[in-house]
Amino acid sequence: MAEEITIQKGFWKGTRDYFGEVRVEMKRVTWPGRMEIQGTTAMVIITTFMFGFYFWVCDSIFQYIIMQRVMPWLTGGH
């Protein structure tokens, strides 16, 4: 029983110390400004659309190859 109480006290002290250290570290963080957030958000959106377009083109090419070249060969319609 006494050992259990000691473990609980150690747990709560460790938890309190951890959150205290987190608070100190969060004060050291340099947060990005509004312009930086807008710029990186725009880059993420643009990059997402560019990759989407690239994958659409690749998918269309592969679909053409499969449907025009491979499927007739598999079905015996040389």
PDB file of N, CA and C in Angstrom:
ATOM      1  N   MET A   1       0.817  -1.189   0.000  1.00  0.00           N
ATOM      2  CA  MET A   1       0.000   0.000   0.000  1.00  0.00           C
ATOM      3  C   MET A   1       0.866   1.260   0.000  1.00  0.00           C
ATOM      4  N   ALA A   2       1.881   1.272   0.864  1.00  0.00           N
ATOM      5  CA  ALA A   2       2.766   2.438   0.933  1.00  0.00           C
ATOM      6  C   ALA A   2       3.534   2.598  -0.375  1.00  0.00           C
ATOM      7  N   GLU A   3       3.913   1.473  -0.964  1.00  0.00           N
ATOM      8  CA  GLU A   3       4.636   1.528  -2.233  1.00  0.00           C
ATOM      9  C   GLU A   3       3.734   2.100  -3.338  1.00  0.00           C
ATOM     10  N   GLU A   4       2.459   1.745  -3.294  1.00  0.00           N
ATOM     11  CA  GLU A   4       1.490   2.244  -4.277  1.00  0.00           C
ATOM     12  C   GLU A   4       1.316   3.753  -4.156  1.00  0.00           C
ATOM     13  N   ILE A   5       1.271   4.260  -2.949  1.00  0.00           N
ATOM     14  CA  ILE A   5       1.141   5.701  -2.718  1.00  0.00           C
ATOM     15  C   ILE A   5       2.381   6.419  -3.214  1.00  0.00           C
ATOM     16  N   THR A   6       3.553   5.837  -2.979  1.00  0.00           N
ATOM     17  CA  THR A   6       4.809   6.438  -3.434  1.00  0.00           C
ATOM     18  C   THR A   6       4.836   6.504  -4.964  1.00  0.00           C
ATOM     19  N   ILE A   7       4.373   5.435  -5.612  1.00  0.00           N
ATOM     20  CA  ILE A   7       4.345   5.422  -7.078  1.00  0.00           C
ATOM     21  C   ILE A   7       3.400   6.504  -7.584  1.00  0.00           C
ATOM     22  N   GLN A   8       2.230   6.659  -6.961  1.00  0.00           N
ATOM     23  CA  GLN A   8       1.276   7.680  -7.372  1.00  0.00           C
ATOM     24  C   GLN A   8       1.844   9.076  -7.186  1.00  0.00           C
ATOM     25  N   LYS A   9       2.521   9.315  -6.057  1.00  0.00           N
ATOM     26  CA  LYS A   9       3.136  10.630  -5.835  1.00  0.00           C
ATOM     27  C   LYS A   9       4.208  10.893  -6.885  1.00  0.00           C
ATOM     28  N   GLY A  10       5.000   9.875  -7.201  1.00  0.00           N
ATOM     29  CA  GLY A  10       6.034  10.021  -8.227  1.00  0.00           C
ATOM     30  C   GLY A  10       5.434  10.309  -9.589  1.00  0.00           C
ATOM     31  N   PHE A  11       4.308   9.653  -9.874  1.00  0.00           N
ATOM     32  CA  PHE A  11       3.623   9.878 -11.147  1.00  0.00           C
ATOM     33  C   PHE A  11       3.151  11.320 -11.251  1.00  0.00           C
ATOM     34  N   TRP A  12       2.481  11.814 -10.203  1.00  0.00           N
ATOM     35  CA  TRP A  12       1.952  13.182 -10.249  1.00  0.00           C
ATOM     36  C   TRP A  12       3.058  14.218 -10.289  1.00  0.00           C
ATOM     37  N   LYS A  13       4.159  13.982  -9.571  1.00  0.00           N
ATOM     38  CA  LYS A  13       5.290  14.921  -9.608  1.00  0.00           C
ATOM     39  C   LYS A  13       5.925  14.930 -10.999  1.00  0.00           C
ATOM     40  N   GLY A  14       6.095  13.747 -11.566  1.00  0.00           N
ATOM     41  CA  GLY A  14       6.665  13.663 -12.910  1.00  0.00           C
ATOM     42  C   GLY A  14       5.780  14.334 -13.943  1.00  0.00           C
ATOM     43  N   THR A  15       4.469  14.132 -13.808  1.00  0.00           N
ATOM     44  CA  THR A  15       3.525  14.755 -14.734  1.00  0.00           C
ATOM     45  C   THR A  15       3.575  16.273 -14.609  1.00  0.00           C
ATOM     46  N   ARG A  16       3.592  16.775 -13.378  1.00  0.00           N
ATOM     47  CA  ARG A  16       3.651  18.218 -13.152  1.00  0.00           C
ATOM     48  C   ARG A  16       4.958  18.788 -13.713  1.00  0.00           C
ATOM     49  N   ASP A  17       6.069  18.090 -13.480  1.00  0.00           N
ATOM     50  CA  ASP A  17       7.356  18.552 -14.004  1.00  0.00           C
ATOM     51  C   ASP A  17       7.352  18.577 -15.536  1.00  0.00           C
ATOM     52  N   TYR A  18       6.766  17.538 -16.130  1.00  0.00           N
ATOM     53  CA  TYR A  18       6.708  17.464 -17.588  1.00  0.00           C
ATOM     54  C   TYR A  18       5.954  18.660 -18.170  1.00  0.00           C
ATOM     55  N   PHE A  19       4.769  18.936 -17.632  1.00  0.00           N
ATOM     56  CA  PHE A  19       3.990  20.058 -18.154  1.00  0.00           C
ATOM     57  C   PHE A  19       4.650  21.402 -17.864  1.00  0.00           C
ATOM     58  N   GLY A  20       5.394  21.498 -16.775  1.00  0.00           N
ATOM     59  CA  GLY A  20       6.150  22.719 -16.505  1.00  0.00           C
ATOM     60  C   GLY A  20       7.224  22.931 -17.563  1.00  0.00           C
ATOM     61  N   GLU A  21       7.910  21.830 -17.933  1.00  0.00           N
ATOM     62  CA  GLU A  21       8.935  21.930 -18.969  1.00  0.00           C
ATOM     63  C   GLU A  21       8.323  22.246 -20.329  1.00  0.00           C
ATOM     64  N   VAL A  22       7.154  21.692 -20.589  1.00  0.00           N
ATOM     65  CA  VAL A  22       6.467  21.996 -21.846  1.00  0.00           C
ATOM     66  C   VAL A  22       6.139  23.478 -21.912  1.00  0.00           C
ATOM     67  N   ARG A  23       5.662  24.046 -20.824  1.00  0.00           N
ATOM     68  CA  ARG A  23       5.331  25.469 -20.787  1.00  0.00           C
ATOM     69  C   ARG A  23       6.570  26.322 -21.075  1.00  0.00           C
ATOM     70  N   VAL A  24       7.712  25.953 -20.492  1.00  0.00           N
ATOM     71  CA  VAL A  24       8.952  26.703 -20.720  1.00  0.00           C
ATOM     72  C   VAL A  24       9.359  26.613 -22.194  1.00  0.00           C
ATOM     73  N   GLU A  25       9.284  25.418 -22.771  1.00  0.00           N
ATOM     74  CA  GLU A  25       9.678  25.249 -24.174  1.00  0.00           C
ATOM     75  C   GLU A  25       8.737  25.989 -25.121  1.00  0.00           C
ATOM     76  N   MET A  26       7.446  26.009 -24.800  1.00  0.00           N
ATOM     77  CA  MET A  26       6.498  26.702 -25.667  1.00  0.00           C
ATOM     78  C   MET A  26       6.756  28.210 -25.689  1.00  0.00           C
ATOM     79  N   LYS A  27       7.320  28.741 -24.619  1.00  0.00           N
ATOM     80  CA  LYS A  27       7.662  30.172 -24.603  1.00  0.00           C
ATOM     81  C   LYS A  27       8.855  30.462 -25.504  1.00  0.00           C
ATOM     82  N   ARG A  28       9.686  29.455 -25.774  1.00  0.00           N
ATOM     83  CA  ARG A  28      10.867  29.632 -26.617  1.00  0.00           C
ATOM     84  C   ARG A  28      10.553  29.507 -28.107  1.00  0.00           C
ATOM     85  N   VAL A  29       9.389  28.997 -28.427  1.00  0.00           N
ATOM     86  CA  VAL A  29       9.021  28.748 -29.821  1.00  0.00           C
ATOM     87  C   VAL A  29       8.851  30.072 -30.555  1.00  0.00           C
ATOM     88  N   THR A  30       9.378  30.120 -31.773  1.00  0.00           N
ATOM     89  CA  THR A  30       9.167  31.269 -32.644  1.00  0.00           C
ATOM     90  C   THR A  30       8.032  30.911 -33.588  1.00  0.00           C
ATOM     91  N   TRP A  31       6.892  31.553 -33.409  1.00  0.00           N
ATOM     92  CA  TRP A  31       5.721  31.235 -34.200  1.00  0.00           C
ATOM     93  C   TRP A  31       5.766  32.004 -35.516  1.00  0.00           C
ATOM     94  N   PRO A  32       5.318  31.380 -36.619  1.00  0.00           N
ATOM     95  CA  PRO A  32       5.326  32.069 -37.916  1.00  0.00           C
ATOM     96  C   PRO A  32       4.284  33.181 -37.948  1.00  0.00           C
ATOM     97  N   GLY A  33       4.572  34.187 -38.755  1.00  0.00           N
ATOM     98  CA  GLY A  33       3.639  35.297 -38.911  1.00  0.00           C
ATOM     99  C   GLY A  33       2.531  34.965 -39.901  1.00  0.00           C
ATOM    100  N   ARG A  34       1.578  35.847 -40.003  1.00  0.00           N
ATOM    101  CA  ARG A  34       0.425  35.638 -40.876  1.00  0.00           C
ATOM    102  C   ARG A  34       0.846  35.477 -42.333  1.00  0.00           C
ATOM    103  N   MET A  35       1.781  36.310 -42.791  1.00  0.00           N
ATOM    104  CA  MET A  35       2.223  36.253 -44.187  1.00  0.00           C
ATOM    105  C   MET A  35       2.912  34.923 -44.482  1.00  0.00           C
ATOM    106  N   GLU A  36       3.724  34.442 -43.549  1.00  0.00           N
ATOM    107  CA  GLU A  36       4.406  33.163 -43.746  1.00  0.00           C
ATOM    108  C   GLU A  36       3.402  32.008 -43.812  1.00  0.00           C
ATOM    109  N   ILE A  37       2.397  32.046 -42.964  1.00  0.00           N
ATOM    110  CA  ILE A  37       1.367  31.004 -42.980  1.00  0.00           C
ATOM    111  C   ILE A  37       0.601  31.039 -44.293  1.00  0.00           C
ATOM    112  N   GLN A  38       0.239  32.227 -44.768  1.00  0.00           N
ATOM    113  CA  GLN A  38      -0.481  32.336 -46.035  1.00  0.00           C
ATOM    114  C   GLN A  38       0.369  31.843 -47.201  1.00  0.00           C
ATOM    115  N   GLY A  39       1.659  32.181 -47.175  1.00  0.00           N
ATOM    116  CA  GLY A  39       2.556  31.744 -48.247  1.00  0.00           C
ATOM    117  C   GLY A  39       2.721  30.235 -48.284  1.00  0.00           C
ATOM    118  N   THR A  40       2.935  29.622 -47.138  1.00  0.00           N
ATOM    119  CA  THR A  40       3.110  28.174 -47.117  1.00  0.00           C
ATOM    120  C   THR A  40       1.794  27.460 -47.439  1.00  0.00           C
ATOM    121  N   THR A  41       0.678  28.014 -47.017  1.00  0.00           N
ATOM    122  CA  THR A  41      -0.616  27.417 -47.347  1.00  0.00           C
ATOM    123  C   THR A  41      -0.850  27.461 -48.842  1.00  0.00           C
ATOM    124  N   ALA A  42      -0.537  28.584 -49.470  1.00  0.00           N
ATOM    125  CA  ALA A  42      -0.691  28.704 -50.922  1.00  0.00           C
ATOM    126  C   ALA A  42       0.204  27.690 -51.640  1.00  0.00           C
ATOM    127  N   MET A  43       1.434  27.526 -51.172  1.00  0.00           N
ATOM    128  CA  MET A  43       2.344  26.560 -51.795  1.00  0.00           C
ATOM    129  C   MET A  43       1.817  25.137 -51.652  1.00  0.00           C
ATOM    130  N   VAL A  44       1.259  24.806 -50.516  1.00  0.00           N
ATOM    131  CA  VAL A  44       0.704  23.459 -50.313  1.00  0.00           C
ATOM    132  C   VAL A  44      -0.466  23.229 -51.265  1.00  0.00           C
ATOM    133  N   ILE A  45      -1.346  24.208 -51.404  1.00  0.00           N
ATOM    134  CA  ILE A  45      -2.508  24.060 -52.286  1.00  0.00           C
ATOM    135  C   ILE A  45      -2.068  23.942 -53.744  1.00  0.00           C
ATOM    136  N   ILE A  46      -1.142  24.790 -54.165  1.00  0.00           N
ATOM    137  CA  ILE A  46      -0.646  24.751 -55.548  1.00  0.00           C
ATOM    138  C   ILE A  46       0.044  23.422 -55.828  1.00  0.00           C
ATOM    139  N   THR A  47       0.889  22.987 -54.917  1.00  0.00           N
ATOM    140  CA  THR A  47       1.604  21.721 -55.084  1.00  0.00           C
ATOM    141  C   THR A  47       0.633  20.546 -55.142  1.00  0.00           C
ATOM    142  N   THR A  48      -0.405  20.578 -54.316  1.00  0.00           N
ATOM    143  CA  THR A  48      -1.401  19.511 -54.332  1.00  0.00           C
ATOM    144  C   THR A  48      -2.079  19.422 -55.681  1.00  0.00           C
ATOM    145  N   PHE A  49      -2.479  20.558 -56.243  1.00  0.00           N
ATOM    146  CA  PHE A  49      -3.115  20.548 -57.559  1.00  0.00           C
ATOM    147  C   PHE A  49      -2.139  20.103 -58.646  1.00  0.00           C
ATOM    148  N   MET A  50      -0.874  20.492 -58.548  1.00  0.00           N
ATOM    149  CA  MET A  50       0.115  20.075 -59.543  1.00  0.00           C
ATOM    150  C   MET A  50       0.319  18.564 -59.504  1.00  0.00           C
ATOM    151  N   PHE A  51       0.439  18.003 -58.309  1.00  0.00           N
ATOM    152  CA  PHE A  51       0.588  16.549 -58.196  1.00  0.00           C
ATOM    153  C   PHE A  51      -0.675  15.840 -58.665  1.00  0.00           C
ATOM    154  N   GLY A  52      -1.836  16.402 -58.355  1.00  0.00           N
ATOM    155  CA  GLY A  52      -3.085  15.816 -58.834  1.00  0.00           C
ATOM    156  C   GLY A  52      -3.140  15.775 -60.350  1.00  0.00           C
ATOM    157  N   PHE A  53      -2.741  16.861 -60.995  1.00  0.00           N
ATOM    158  CA  PHE A  53      -2.718  16.915 -62.457  1.00  0.00           C
ATOM    159  C   PHE A  53      -1.723  15.906 -63.019  1.00  0.00           C
ATOM    160  N   TYR A  54      -0.549  15.840 -62.413  1.00  0.00           N
ATOM    161  CA  TYR A  54       0.484  14.892 -62.857  1.00  0.00           C
ATOM    162  C   TYR A  54      -0.020  13.451 -62.758  1.00  0.00           C
ATOM    163  N   PHE A  55      -0.638  13.098 -61.640  1.00  0.00           N
ATOM    164  CA  PHE A  55      -1.145  11.743 -61.476  1.00  0.00           C
ATOM    165  C   PHE A  55      -2.312  11.462 -62.418  1.00  0.00           C
ATOM    166  N   TRP A  56      -3.128  12.465 -62.710  1.00  0.00           N
ATOM    167  CA  TRP A  56      -4.213  12.300 -63.677  1.00  0.00           C
ATOM    168  C   TRP A  56      -3.650  11.989 -65.066  1.00  0.00           C
ATOM    169  N   VAL A  57      -2.597  12.720 -65.451  1.00  0.00           N
ATOM    170  CA  VAL A  57      -1.970  12.471 -66.756  1.00  0.00           C
ATOM    171  C   VAL A  57      -1.383  11.062 -66.793  1.00  0.00           C
ATOM    172  N   CYS A  58      -0.655  10.680 -65.746  1.00  0.00           N
ATOM    173  CA  CYS A  58      -0.062   9.329 -65.698  1.00  0.00           C
ATOM    174  C   CYS A  58      -1.147   8.266 -65.739  1.00  0.00           C
ATOM    175  N   ASP A  59      -2.223   8.468 -64.990  1.00  0.00           N
ATOM    176  CA  ASP A  59      -3.324   7.516 -64.969  1.00  0.00           C
ATOM    177  C   ASP A  59      -3.958   7.395 -66.347  1.00  0.00           C
ATOM    178  N   SER A  60      -4.138   8.512 -67.035  1.00  0.00           N
ATOM    179  CA  SER A  60      -4.728   8.478 -68.377  1.00  0.00           C
ATOM    180  C   SER A  60      -3.841   7.716 -69.347  1.00  0.00           C
ATOM    181  N   ILE A  61      -2.541   7.925 -69.250  1.00  0.00           N
ATOM    182  CA  ILE A  61      -1.604   7.217 -70.134  1.00  0.00           C
ATOM    183  C   ILE A  61      -1.643   5.717 -69.853  1.00  0.00           C
ATOM    184  N   PHE A  62      -1.587   5.350 -68.580  1.00  0.00           N
ATOM    185  CA  PHE A  62      -1.632   3.933 -68.234  1.00  0.00           C
ATOM    186  C   PHE A  62      -2.962   3.297 -68.627  1.00  0.00           C
ATOM    187  N   GLN A  63      -4.046   4.025 -68.479  1.00  0.00           N
ATOM    188  CA  GLN A  63      -5.357   3.509 -68.869  1.00  0.00           C
ATOM    189  C   GLN A  63      -5.381   3.252 -70.373  1.00  0.00           C
ATOM    190  N   TYR A  64      -4.847   4.176 -71.150  1.00  0.00           N
ATOM    191  CA  TYR A  64      -4.795   3.998 -72.598  1.00  0.00           C
ATOM    192  C   TYR A  64      -3.979   2.760 -72.953  1.00  0.00           C
ATOM    193  N   ILE A  65      -2.818   2.636 -72.339  1.00  0.00           N
ATOM    194  CA  ILE A  65      -1.949   1.494 -72.627  1.00  0.00           C
ATOM    195  C   ILE A  65      -2.656   0.183 -72.282  1.00  0.00           C
ATOM    196  N   ILE A  66      -3.277   0.127 -71.127  1.00  0.00           N
ATOM    197  CA  ILE A  66      -3.952  -1.102 -70.697  1.00  0.00           C
ATOM    198  C   ILE A  66      -5.123  -1.413 -71.625  1.00  0.00           C
ATOM    199  N   MET A  67      -5.978  -0.423 -71.881  1.00  0.00           N
ATOM    200  CA  MET A  67      -7.195  -0.676 -72.656  1.00  0.00           C
ATOM    201  C   MET A  67      -6.914  -0.931 -74.141  1.00  0.00           C
ATOM    202  N   GLN A  68      -5.928  -0.248 -74.719  1.00  0.00           N
ATOM    203  CA  GLN A  68      -5.667  -0.370 -76.154  1.00  0.00           C
ATOM    204  C   GLN A  68      -4.649  -1.453 -76.501  1.00  0.00           C
ATOM    205  N   ARG A  69      -3.731  -1.701 -75.602  1.00  0.00           N
ATOM    206  CA  ARG A  69      -2.637  -2.628 -75.932  1.00  0.00           C
ATOM    207  C   ARG A  69      -2.718  -3.960 -75.191  1.00  0.00           C
ATOM    208  N   VAL A  70      -3.017  -3.914 -73.908  1.00  0.00           N
ATOM    209  CA  VAL A  70      -2.950  -5.130 -73.102  1.00  0.00           C
ATOM    210  C   VAL A  70      -4.256  -5.911 -73.152  1.00  0.00           C
ATOM    211  N   MET A  71      -5.406  -5.245 -72.996  1.00  0.00           N
ATOM    212  CA  MET A  71      -6.690  -5.947 -72.940  1.00  0.00           C
ATOM    213  C   MET A  71      -6.978  -6.740 -74.237  1.00  0.00           C
ATOM    214  N   PRO A  72      -6.775  -6.160 -75.416  1.00  0.00           N
ATOM    215  CA  PRO A  72      -7.014  -6.972 -76.627  1.00  0.00           C
ATOM    216  C   PRO A  72      -6.101  -8.196 -76.703  1.00  0.00           C
ATOM    217  N   TRP A  73      -4.899  -8.051 -76.238  1.00  0.00           N
ATOM    218  CA  TRP A  73      -3.943  -9.161 -76.246  1.00  0.00           C
ATOM    219  C   TRP A  73      -4.407 -10.253 -75.282  1.00  0.00           C
ATOM    220  N   LEU A  74      -4.949  -9.860 -74.113  1.00  0.00           N
ATOM    221  CA  LEU A  74      -5.419 -10.831 -73.127  1.00  0.00           C
ATOM    222  C   LEU A  74      -6.693 -11.539 -73.583  1.00  0.00           C
ATOM    223  N   THR A  75      -7.554 -10.832 -74.303  1.00  0.00           N
ATOM    224  CA  THR A  75      -8.831 -11.414 -74.713  1.00  0.00           C
ATOM    225  C   THR A  75      -8.724 -12.150 -76.059  1.00  0.00           C
ATOM    226  N   GLY A  76      -7.570 -12.134 -76.647  1.00  0.00           N
ATOM    227  CA  GLY A  76      -7.379 -12.856 -77.906  1.00  0.00           C
ATOM    228  C   GLY A  76      -7.750 -12.058 -79.140  1.00  0.00           C
ATOM    229  N   GLY A  77      -7.977 -10.785 -79.003  1.00  0.00           N
ATOM    230  CA  GLY A  77      -8.354  -9.954 -80.148  1.00  0.00           C
ATOM    231  C   GLY A  77      -7.174  -9.241 -80.759  1.00  0.00           C
ATOM    232  N   HIS A  78      -6.092  -9.921 -80.984  1.00  0.00           N
ATOM    233  CA  HIS A  78      -4.828  -9.335 -81.483  1.00  0.00           C
ATOM    234  C   HIS A  78      -5.115  -8.251 -82.448  1.00  0.00           C
TER     235      HIS A  78
END
